[in-house]
Amino acid sequence: MASSRLPVAACVVLVLAGLGALGAGAADVGPGWLCGAGAIAVSTAYSWALAARAGGRPVVVGTLALVLGVATVLSDDDRLRTGAAVLTCVVAAVLAVMVTVPAVRFVHAAREVVVAVVVAAAGAVAVVGFEPVVTVARFEYVTLGLALLGAFAVVYRLGAGLHGLGRRGVATVLIGTAVLALTLAYAELLRRYGTPGLVGSLLDGVTWSRENLGAFPRPLETALGIPALAWGTHMRARRRQGWWVCAFGVAATTPVANALVNPAVTLEESVLAVVYGVVVGLLLGFAVIRLDLAVTGSSGRRGRRAEEATALRPEPARTRPLL
């Protein structure tokens, strides 16, 4: 048992050391290479952890991430730094979803959402530690697309392929895909072709929120990612199809992991936007979970408690391989 805990402890220590180095570098304390070293430490630990959690080869993946990170920092090439930032963001976003565990009750689902957001936020610090040179919108789209591909690739194995979806699973995936597509398309259409009046009215709401609340929650995280994580972990305690719902959780963890790449947004505003997105998203997730329980005939306090007593689908612990 002690030997199995040693790699996990080493991974946690490496992440904390990396975050400490990144913080010192940001505060101009110590040598100039601290930021790069911190980013390498976090990206290596996250790569190792994701490979271990997904049942891969953590030693090989972790060593490769370390070598690539060192080569990137030593080369000081903008393209390599940007590529390393993209990969770190994707790994952090996918890992944040994979480290969650099934949630029998909504309060447990809320806990898993917080765990995922914290993991992704640590990755966000490492992303900027590589000092990427990016076009913000392009960086966000690329990382989101790659994170979705990575999450669905892992979930395909965890969910026993497409035939393990069932009718409700198929409907859930289609609805999630539609919400994702519509949210992205609507935002892009507004940015490119929206009428000045419509765009102006929407921007007025964003401006009011920033002036009075300090930030505005990111729509994709709030409307899709956080509710999907909450509902998905809740469903995983009952049906393995919950993994397919959780895959859409990268719509929350990816925006968190790339939240610091926009130089026009302050650290305080980025943190507040994530917090607001979590709060509103959990409210939406709570509504979806209650609707799901009502559909399955588990409404009412007594019905919910009886349903929770039978929600015993087993999964490996948070620090154990899923496969």
Protein backbone atom coordinates (compact mmCIF):
# COMPACT_ATOMS: atom_id res chain seq x y z
CA MET A 1 0.00 0.00 0.00
CA ALA A 2 2.82 2.40 0.87
CA SER A 3 4.50 1.81 -2.50
CA SER A 4 1.26 2.60 -4.35
CA ARG A 5 0.92 5.89 -2.47
CA LEU A 6 4.50 6.98 -3.18
CA PRO A 7 3.96 7.97 -6.85
CA VAL A 8 0.81 9.91 -5.92
CA ALA A 9 2.64 11.75 -3.15
CA ALA A 10 5.56 12.49 -5.49
CA CYS A 11 3.15 13.84 -8.09
CA VAL A 12 1.46 16.13 -5.56
CA VAL A 13 4.81 17.39 -4.27
CA LEU A 14 5.99 18.06 -7.84
CA VAL A 15 2.86 20.07 -8.64
CA LEU A 16 3.14 22.11 -5.44
CA ALA A 17 6.83 22.74 -6.07
CA GLY A 18 6.06 23.80 -9.63
CA LEU A 19 3.33 26.18 -8.49
CA GLY A 20 5.69 27.62 -5.91
CA ALA A 21 8.33 28.22 -8.58
CA LEU A 22 5.76 29.82 -10.87
CA GLY A 23 4.56 32.08 -8.06
CA ALA A 24 8.11 33.11 -7.22
CA GLY A 25 8.85 33.79 -10.86
CA ALA A 26 5.72 35.91 -11.24
CA ALA A 27 6.73 37.92 -8.18
CA ASP A 28 10.27 38.43 -9.60
CA VAL A 29 11.79 36.48 -6.72
CA GLY A 30 14.73 34.25 -7.54
CA PRO A 31 16.39 33.43 -10.88
CA GLY A 32 14.65 33.99 -14.20
CA TRP A 33 14.38 30.29 -15.05
CA LEU A 34 11.91 29.60 -12.22
CA CYS A 35 8.80 30.12 -14.36
CA GLY A 36 10.00 27.68 -16.99
CA ALA A 37 11.02 25.12 -14.39
CA GLY A 38 7.67 25.43 -12.63
CA ALA A 39 5.74 24.99 -15.87
CA ILE A 40 7.80 21.90 -16.72
CA ALA A 41 7.19 20.42 -13.25
CA VAL A 42 3.42 20.85 -13.42
CA SER A 43 3.07 19.66 -17.02
CA THR A 44 5.22 16.59 -16.30
CA ALA A 45 3.26 15.69 -13.16
CA TYR A 46 -0.07 16.18 -14.94
CA SER A 47 1.00 14.10 -17.93
CA TRP A 48 2.12 11.31 -15.62
CA ALA A 49 -1.12 11.50 -13.62
CA LEU A 50 -3.35 11.44 -16.71
CA ALA A 51 -1.52 8.44 -18.16
CA ALA A 52 -1.75 6.60 -14.83
CA ARG A 53 -5.44 7.42 -14.39
CA ALA A 54 -6.30 6.37 -17.95
CA GLY A 55 -4.46 3.06 -17.62
CA GLY A 56 -1.55 4.06 -19.86
CA ARG A 57 2.21 4.11 -19.32
CA PRO A 58 2.86 6.94 -16.86
CA VAL A 59 6.65 6.53 -16.75
CA VAL A 60 6.97 6.77 -20.53
CA VAL A 61 4.51 9.65 -20.84
CA GLY A 62 5.94 11.54 -17.88
CA THR A 63 9.52 11.18 -19.16
CA LEU A 64 8.48 12.34 -22.63
CA ALA A 65 6.69 15.37 -21.16
CA LEU A 66 9.78 16.22 -19.11
CA VAL A 67 12.14 15.96 -22.10
CA LEU A 68 9.86 18.02 -24.34
CA GLY A 69 9.37 20.64 -21.62
CA VAL A 70 13.09 21.05 -21.01
CA ALA A 71 13.81 21.23 -24.74
CA THR A 72 11.09 23.85 -25.17
CA VAL A 73 12.37 26.11 -22.41
CA LEU A 74 16.01 25.77 -23.45
CA SER A 75 15.23 26.49 -27.10
CA ASP A 76 13.26 29.63 -26.18
CA ASP A 77 11.34 29.31 -29.45
CA ASP A 78 7.93 31.01 -29.47
CA ARG A 79 6.33 28.23 -31.50
CA LEU A 80 7.56 25.51 -29.17
CA ARG A 81 6.48 27.50 -26.12
CA THR A 82 3.02 27.98 -27.56
CA GLY A 83 2.76 24.31 -28.46
CA ALA A 84 3.81 23.31 -24.95
CA ALA A 85 1.19 25.67 -23.51
CA VAL A 86 -1.50 24.11 -25.71
CA LEU A 87 -0.59 20.57 -24.65
CA THR A 88 -0.41 21.56 -20.98
CA CYS A 89 -3.83 23.18 -21.19
CA VAL A 90 -5.35 20.09 -22.86
CA VAL A 91 -3.76 17.66 -20.39
CA ALA A 92 -4.92 19.76 -17.43
CA ALA A 93 -8.47 19.99 -18.78
CA VAL A 94 -8.80 16.26 -19.43
CA LEU A 95 -7.10 15.26 -16.17
CA ALA A 96 -9.45 17.53 -14.22
CA VAL A 97 -12.42 15.53 -15.52
CA MET A 98 -10.76 12.13 -15.10
CA VAL A 99 -9.85 12.63 -11.42
CA THR A 100 -13.51 12.97 -10.44
CA VAL A 101 -15.33 10.11 -8.73
CA PRO A 102 -19.03 9.12 -8.69
CA ALA A 103 -21.31 11.32 -6.58
CA VAL A 104 -24.27 9.75 -4.82
CA ARG A 105 -25.78 13.08 -3.74
CA PHE A 106 -25.71 16.57 -5.22
CA VAL A 107 -23.41 17.84 -2.47
CA HIS A 108 -20.89 15.21 -3.54
CA ALA A 109 -21.30 16.28 -7.17
CA ALA A 110 -20.56 19.88 -6.13
CA ARG A 111 -17.40 18.66 -4.39
CA GLU A 112 -16.26 16.91 -7.58
CA VAL A 113 -16.86 20.07 -9.59
CA VAL A 114 -14.65 22.02 -7.19
CA VAL A 115 -11.93 19.35 -7.41
CA ALA A 116 -11.98 19.49 -11.21
CA VAL A 117 -11.83 23.29 -11.26
CA VAL A 118 -8.90 23.38 -8.82
CA VAL A 119 -6.93 20.86 -10.91
CA ALA A 120 -7.60 22.85 -14.08
CA ALA A 121 -6.69 26.13 -12.34
CA ALA A 122 -3.29 24.76 -11.36
CA GLY A 123 -2.80 23.85 -15.00
CA ALA A 124 -3.70 27.42 -15.99
CA VAL A 125 -0.71 28.73 -14.03
CA ALA A 126 1.60 26.30 -15.82
CA VAL A 127 0.16 27.31 -19.20
CA VAL A 128 1.23 30.95 -18.78
CA GLY A 129 4.52 29.76 -17.30
CA PHE A 130 5.55 28.65 -20.78
CA GLU A 131 5.00 32.26 -21.93
CA PRO A 132 3.08 31.40 -25.11
CA VAL A 133 2.60 33.87 -27.95
CA VAL A 134 -1.04 33.41 -28.90
CA THR A 135 -4.11 34.75 -30.59
CA VAL A 136 -6.52 34.33 -27.70
CA ALA A 137 -9.58 33.16 -29.66
CA ARG A 138 -7.55 30.67 -31.70
CA PHE A 139 -5.85 29.31 -28.58
CA GLU A 140 -9.23 28.81 -26.89
CA TYR A 141 -10.75 27.00 -29.87
CA VAL A 142 -7.73 24.73 -30.40
CA THR A 143 -7.44 23.72 -26.76
CA LEU A 144 -11.19 23.10 -26.47
CA GLY A 145 -11.24 20.93 -29.59
CA LEU A 146 -8.23 18.87 -28.52
CA ALA A 147 -9.56 18.48 -24.98
CA LEU A 148 -12.91 17.22 -26.28
CA LEU A 149 -11.14 14.69 -28.51
CA GLY A 150 -8.95 13.53 -25.63
CA ALA A 151 -11.84 13.24 -23.18
CA PHE A 152 -14.05 11.31 -25.59
CA ALA A 153 -11.18 9.00 -26.50
CA VAL A 154 -10.77 8.02 -22.84
CA VAL A 155 -14.51 7.86 -22.19
CA TYR A 156 -14.98 5.62 -25.23
CA ARG A 157 -12.93 3.01 -23.38
CA LEU A 158 -14.51 3.66 -20.00
CA GLY A 159 -18.05 3.58 -21.34
CA ALA A 160 -17.58 0.29 -23.20
CA GLY A 161 -17.81 1.93 -26.62
CA LEU A 162 -20.80 3.46 -28.33
CA HIS A 163 -22.97 0.40 -27.78
CA GLY A 164 -22.80 1.06 -24.05
CA LEU A 165 -24.60 4.38 -24.40
CA GLY A 166 -28.19 3.18 -24.50
CA ARG A 167 -31.05 5.39 -25.63
CA ARG A 168 -30.73 7.90 -22.82
CA GLY A 169 -26.98 8.06 -23.33
CA VAL A 170 -27.37 8.75 -27.04
CA ALA A 171 -29.92 11.47 -26.32
CA THR A 172 -27.63 13.01 -23.71
CA VAL A 173 -24.62 13.09 -26.02
CA LEU A 174 -26.68 14.59 -28.84
CA ILE A 175 -28.10 17.27 -26.57
CA GLY A 176 -24.66 18.09 -25.18
CA THR A 177 -23.19 18.32 -28.66
CA ALA A 178 -26.03 20.57 -29.78
CA VAL A 179 -25.57 22.90 -26.79
CA LEU A 180 -21.83 23.05 -27.43
CA ALA A 181 -22.26 23.77 -31.13
CA LEU A 182 -24.97 26.38 -30.62
CA THR A 183 -23.01 28.19 -27.91
CA LEU A 184 -19.86 28.39 -30.01
CA ALA A 185 -21.73 29.28 -33.20
CA TYR A 186 -23.80 31.97 -31.48
CA ALA A 187 -20.72 33.57 -29.95
CA GLU A 188 -18.89 33.53 -33.28
CA LEU A 189 -21.85 34.91 -35.23
CA LEU A 190 -22.27 37.73 -32.74
CA ARG A 191 -18.58 38.54 -32.94
CA ARG A 192 -18.51 38.61 -36.74
CA TYR A 193 -21.98 39.41 -38.04
CA GLY A 194 -24.13 40.57 -35.13
CA THR A 195 -26.01 43.83 -35.52
CA PRO A 196 -24.54 46.72 -33.53
CA GLY A 197 -27.74 47.06 -31.48
CA LEU A 198 -27.88 43.39 -30.48
CA VAL A 199 -24.18 43.14 -29.77
CA GLY A 200 -24.30 46.42 -27.89
CA SER A 201 -27.14 45.29 -25.63
CA LEU A 202 -25.34 42.05 -24.80
CA LEU A 203 -22.08 43.84 -24.17
CA ASP A 204 -23.90 46.28 -21.90
CA GLY A 205 -24.84 43.35 -19.66
CA VAL A 206 -21.27 42.10 -19.65
CA THR A 207 -19.99 45.58 -18.86
CA TRP A 208 -22.47 46.00 -16.00
CA SER A 209 -21.44 42.68 -14.51
CA ARG A 210 -17.75 43.55 -14.72
CA GLU A 211 -18.24 46.97 -13.19
CA ASN A 212 -20.54 45.87 -10.37
CA LEU A 213 -19.53 42.25 -9.75
CA GLY A 214 -15.92 42.33 -10.90
CA ALA A 215 -16.32 39.76 -13.69
CA PHE A 216 -18.72 38.01 -16.04
CA PRO A 217 -18.97 34.18 -16.05
CA ARG A 218 -17.81 32.44 -19.22
CA PRO A 219 -20.93 31.12 -21.02
CA LEU A 220 -19.52 27.75 -22.13
CA GLU A 221 -18.30 26.91 -18.64
CA THR A 222 -21.54 28.05 -17.03
CA ALA A 223 -24.15 26.68 -19.42
CA LEU A 224 -22.55 23.36 -20.36
CA GLY A 225 -19.32 22.39 -18.62
CA ILE A 226 -20.21 22.73 -14.94
CA PRO A 227 -23.75 21.26 -15.27
CA ALA A 228 -22.29 18.35 -17.27
CA LEU A 229 -19.69 17.63 -14.57
CA ALA A 230 -22.27 17.77 -11.79
CA TRP A 231 -24.83 15.64 -13.59
CA GLY A 232 -22.22 13.29 -15.02
CA THR A 233 -20.63 12.44 -11.67
CA HIS A 234 -24.10 12.02 -10.18
CA MET A 235 -25.08 9.66 -13.01
CA ARG A 236 -21.83 7.68 -12.75
CA ALA A 237 -22.89 6.46 -9.31
CA ARG A 238 -25.83 4.81 -11.05
CA ARG A 239 -24.95 4.13 -14.71
CA ARG A 240 -21.68 4.01 -16.63
CA GLN A 241 -23.25 6.27 -19.27
CA GLY A 242 -22.48 9.07 -16.85
CA TRP A 243 -18.95 9.10 -18.25
CA TRP A 244 -20.30 10.34 -21.58
CA VAL A 245 -21.91 13.27 -19.79
CA CYS A 246 -18.71 13.96 -17.85
CA ALA A 247 -16.79 14.21 -21.12
CA PHE A 248 -18.58 17.50 -21.78
CA GLY A 249 -17.05 18.71 -18.52
CA VAL A 250 -14.00 19.80 -20.51
CA ALA A 251 -16.23 22.66 -21.68
CA ALA A 252 -15.64 23.96 -18.15
CA THR A 253 -12.13 22.76 -17.37
CA THR A 254 -10.65 23.99 -20.66
CA PRO A 255 -11.81 27.61 -20.16
CA VAL A 256 -10.41 27.43 -16.64
CA ALA A 257 -7.08 26.03 -17.88
CA ASN A 258 -6.70 28.78 -20.50
CA ALA A 259 -8.21 31.56 -18.38
CA LEU A 260 -4.88 33.36 -17.85
CA VAL A 261 -3.65 33.56 -21.44
CA ASN A 262 -5.63 36.72 -22.20
CA PRO A 263 -3.42 39.66 -21.12
CA ALA A 264 -6.41 42.02 -21.25
CA VAL A 265 -8.06 40.22 -18.30
CA THR A 266 -6.65 40.65 -14.81
CA LEU A 267 -6.00 37.76 -12.44
CA GLU A 268 -8.77 38.93 -10.12
CA GLU A 269 -11.31 39.08 -12.93
CA SER A 270 -10.28 35.63 -14.19
CA VAL A 271 -10.74 34.10 -10.73
CA LEU A 272 -14.09 35.79 -10.19
CA ALA A 273 -15.33 34.69 -13.63
CA VAL A 274 -14.51 31.08 -12.79
CA VAL A 275 -16.16 31.32 -9.37
CA TYR A 276 -19.34 32.86 -10.81
CA GLY A 277 -19.42 30.22 -13.52
CA VAL A 278 -19.15 27.45 -10.92
CA VAL A 279 -21.94 28.91 -8.78
CA VAL A 280 -24.40 29.46 -11.63
CA GLY A 281 -23.41 26.19 -13.31
CA LEU A 282 -24.04 24.23 -10.11
CA LEU A 283 -27.51 25.75 -9.87
CA LEU A 284 -28.20 24.56 -13.41
CA GLY A 285 -26.70 21.17 -12.59
CA PHE A 286 -28.92 20.88 -9.53
CA ALA A 287 -31.99 21.54 -11.69
CA VAL A 288 -30.91 18.93 -14.25
CA ILE A 289 -30.27 16.31 -11.55
CA ARG A 290 -33.68 16.92 -9.98
CA LEU A 291 -35.30 16.62 -13.41
CA ASP A 292 -33.44 13.36 -14.05
CA LEU A 293 -34.58 11.96 -10.70
CA ALA A 294 -38.16 13.00 -11.40
CA VAL A 295 -38.07 11.25 -14.78
CA THR A 296 -36.80 8.05 -13.18
CA GLY A 297 -39.53 8.17 -10.53
CA SER A 298 -37.32 9.22 -7.60
CA SER A 299 -39.03 12.49 -6.69
CA GLY A 300 -39.74 13.46 -3.09
CA ARG A 301 -37.37 13.24 -0.12
CA ARG A 302 -38.21 9.60 0.68
CA GLY A 303 -37.90 8.56 -2.97
CA ARG A 304 -34.54 10.29 -3.33
CA ARG A 305 -33.15 8.70 -0.17
CA ALA A 306 -34.27 5.27 -1.36
CA GLU A 307 -32.66 5.91 -4.75
CA GLU A 308 -29.40 7.09 -3.14
CA ALA A 309 -29.24 3.92 -1.06
CA THR A 310 -29.07 1.85 -4.25
CA ALA A 311 -26.58 4.14 -6.07
CA LEU A 312 -23.63 1.86 -5.51
CA ARG A 313 -21.98 1.48 -8.91
CA PRO A 314 -18.29 0.85 -8.10
CA GLU A 315 -15.37 2.79 -9.57
CA PRO A 316 -11.67 2.86 -8.68
CA ALA A 317 -10.58 5.43 -6.10
CA ARG A 318 -9.44 8.88 -7.23
CA THR A 319 -5.76 7.91 -7.14
CA ARG A 320 -6.19 4.51 -8.83
CA PRO A 321 -6.25 3.68 -12.58
CA LEU A 322 -9.69 3.67 -14.15
CA LEU A 323 -8.73 0.84 -16.52
